[in-house]
Amino acid sequence: MKTTIDLPEELVFEAKRVALARKVTLKNLVERGLLHEIRNPSADPLTPLQSLRGLDASLWSETSADEYVEALRKDW
């Protein structure tokens, strides 16, 4: 069955590189990745707030809140 999935360009380039290095097709790599995730589900992803908890405050020493929000908006 054919389907279309919109993926980030960088992810596709990396996946193609990995498939080439492993001497498998991109289709095979994607199939294996999907099967692995279905059989062994990842832990529930953290919410953004949960991800920020416990971070060392020094990580933010060079970043203002406005700069951080602007960087996030670029990816939306």
C-alpha atoms as a PDB file:
ATOM      1  CA  MET A   1       0.000   0.000   0.000  1.00  0.00           C
ATOM      2  CA  LYS A   2       1.280   3.456  -0.818  1.00  0.00           C
ATOM      3  CA  THR A   3       0.934   6.425   1.495  1.00  0.00           C
ATOM      4  CA  THR A   4       2.431   9.893   1.760  1.00  0.00           C
ATOM      5  CA  ILE A   5       4.024  11.220   4.934  1.00  0.00           C
ATOM      6  CA  ASP A   6       5.421  14.723   5.300  1.00  0.00           C
ATOM      7  CA  LEU A   7       8.773  14.474   7.101  1.00  0.00           C
ATOM      8  CA  PRO A   8      11.428  17.059   7.914  1.00  0.00           C
ATOM      9  CA  GLU A   9      14.015  17.243   5.141  1.00  0.00           C
ATOM     10  CA  GLU A  10      16.901  16.679   7.575  1.00  0.00           C
ATOM     11  CA  LEU A  11      15.278  13.475   8.868  1.00  0.00           C
ATOM     12  CA  VAL A  12      14.866  12.115   5.347  1.00  0.00           C
ATOM     13  CA  PHE A  13      18.493  12.883   4.469  1.00  0.00           C
ATOM     14  CA  GLU A  14      19.697  11.169   7.654  1.00  0.00           C
ATOM     15  CA  ALA A  15      17.424   8.170   7.040  1.00  0.00           C
ATOM     16  CA  LYS A  16      18.748   7.805   3.485  1.00  0.00           C
ATOM     17  CA  ARG A  17      22.314   8.002   4.782  1.00  0.00           C
ATOM     18  CA  VAL A  18      21.629   5.323   7.404  1.00  0.00           C
ATOM     19  CA  ALA A  19      19.847   3.086   4.878  1.00  0.00           C
ATOM     20  CA  LEU A  20      22.801   3.364   2.510  1.00  0.00           C
ATOM     21  CA  ALA A  21      25.279   2.589   5.284  1.00  0.00           C
ATOM     22  CA  ARG A  22      23.243  -0.473   6.321  1.00  0.00           C
ATOM     23  CA  LYS A  23      22.785  -1.533   2.692  1.00  0.00           C
ATOM     24  CA  VAL A  24      18.994  -1.586   2.945  1.00  0.00           C
ATOM     25  CA  THR A  25      16.323   0.391   1.148  1.00  0.00           C
ATOM     26  CA  LEU A  26      14.722   3.443   2.717  1.00  0.00           C
ATOM     27  CA  LYS A  27      11.421   1.556   2.587  1.00  0.00           C
ATOM     28  CA  ASN A  28      12.937  -1.324   4.551  1.00  0.00           C
ATOM     29  CA  LEU A  29      14.434   1.039   7.137  1.00  0.00           C
ATOM     30  CA  VAL A  30      11.081   2.780   7.635  1.00  0.00           C
ATOM     31  CA  GLU A  31       9.221  -0.549   7.877  1.00  0.00           C
ATOM     32  CA  ARG A  32      11.658  -1.821  10.495  1.00  0.00           C
ATOM     33  CA  GLY A  33      11.405   1.423  12.456  1.00  0.00           C
ATOM     34  CA  LEU A  34       7.608   1.327  12.458  1.00  0.00           C
ATOM     35  CA  LEU A  35       7.521  -2.328  13.492  1.00  0.00           C
ATOM     36  CA  HIS A  36       9.998  -1.662  16.286  1.00  0.00           C
ATOM     37  CA  GLU A  37       7.944   1.262  17.611  1.00  0.00           C
ATOM     38  CA  ILE A  38       4.697  -0.725  17.394  1.00  0.00           C
ATOM     39  CA  ARG A  39       6.172  -3.744  19.198  1.00  0.00           C
ATOM     40  CA  ASN A  40       8.214  -1.727  21.708  1.00  0.00           C
ATOM     41  CA  PRO A  41       6.430   1.569  22.230  1.00  0.00           C
ATOM     42  CA  SER A  42       8.501   4.477  23.481  1.00  0.00           C
ATOM     43  CA  ALA A  43       7.638   6.009  26.803  1.00  0.00           C
ATOM     44  CA  ASP A  44       5.030   8.734  26.627  1.00  0.00           C
ATOM     45  CA  PRO A  45       6.709  11.941  25.520  1.00  0.00           C
ATOM     46  CA  LEU A  46       7.047  14.603  28.148  1.00  0.00           C
ATOM     47  CA  THR A  47       5.045  17.780  27.899  1.00  0.00           C
ATOM     48  CA  PRO A  48       7.157  20.898  27.301  1.00  0.00           C
ATOM     49  CA  LEU A  49       6.755  21.877  30.959  1.00  0.00           C
ATOM     50  CA  GLN A  50       7.840  18.432  32.166  1.00  0.00           C
ATOM     51  CA  SER A  51      10.863  18.632  29.871  1.00  0.00           C
ATOM     52  CA  LEU A  52      11.933  21.924  31.436  1.00  0.00           C
ATOM     53  CA  ARG A  53      11.635  20.726  35.039  1.00  0.00           C
ATOM     54  CA  GLY A  54      14.904  19.728  36.597  1.00  0.00           C
ATOM     55  CA  LEU A  55      17.054  21.540  34.050  1.00  0.00           C
ATOM     56  CA  ASP A  56      20.025  23.376  35.456  1.00  0.00           C
ATOM     57  CA  ALA A  57      19.335  27.125  35.496  1.00  0.00           C
ATOM     58  CA  SER A  58      22.760  27.756  33.971  1.00  0.00           C
ATOM     59  CA  LEU A  59      21.384  26.502  30.648  1.00  0.00           C
ATOM     60  CA  TRP A  60      19.359  29.697  30.396  1.00  0.00           C
ATOM     61  CA  SER A  61      22.088  32.113  31.438  1.00  0.00           C
ATOM     62  CA  GLU A  62      22.795  33.292  27.876  1.00  0.00           C
ATOM     63  CA  THR A  63      19.199  33.180  26.598  1.00  0.00           C
ATOM     64  CA  SER A  64      16.376  35.619  27.236  1.00  0.00           C
ATOM     65  CA  ALA A  65      12.786  34.427  27.342  1.00  0.00           C
ATOM     66  CA  ASP A  66      12.014  36.478  24.227  1.00  0.00           C
ATOM     67  CA  GLU A  67      14.848  34.864  22.252  1.00  0.00           C
ATOM     68  CA  TYR A  68      13.682  31.413  23.338  1.00  0.00           C
ATOM     69  CA  VAL A  69      10.080  32.059  22.270  1.00  0.00           C
ATOM     70  CA  GLU A  70      11.222  33.483  18.928  1.00  0.00           C
ATOM     71  CA  ALA A  71      13.322  30.376  18.285  1.00  0.00           C
ATOM     72  CA  LEU A  72      10.340  28.137  19.059  1.00  0.00           C
ATOM     73  CA  ARG A  73       8.074  30.130  16.744  1.00  0.00           C
ATOM     74  CA  LYS A  74      10.425  29.579  13.811  1.00  0.00           C
ATOM     75  CA  ASP A  75       9.688  25.840  14.023  1.00  0.00           C
ATOM     76  CA  TRP A  76       5.894  26.278  14.168  1.00  0.00           C
END
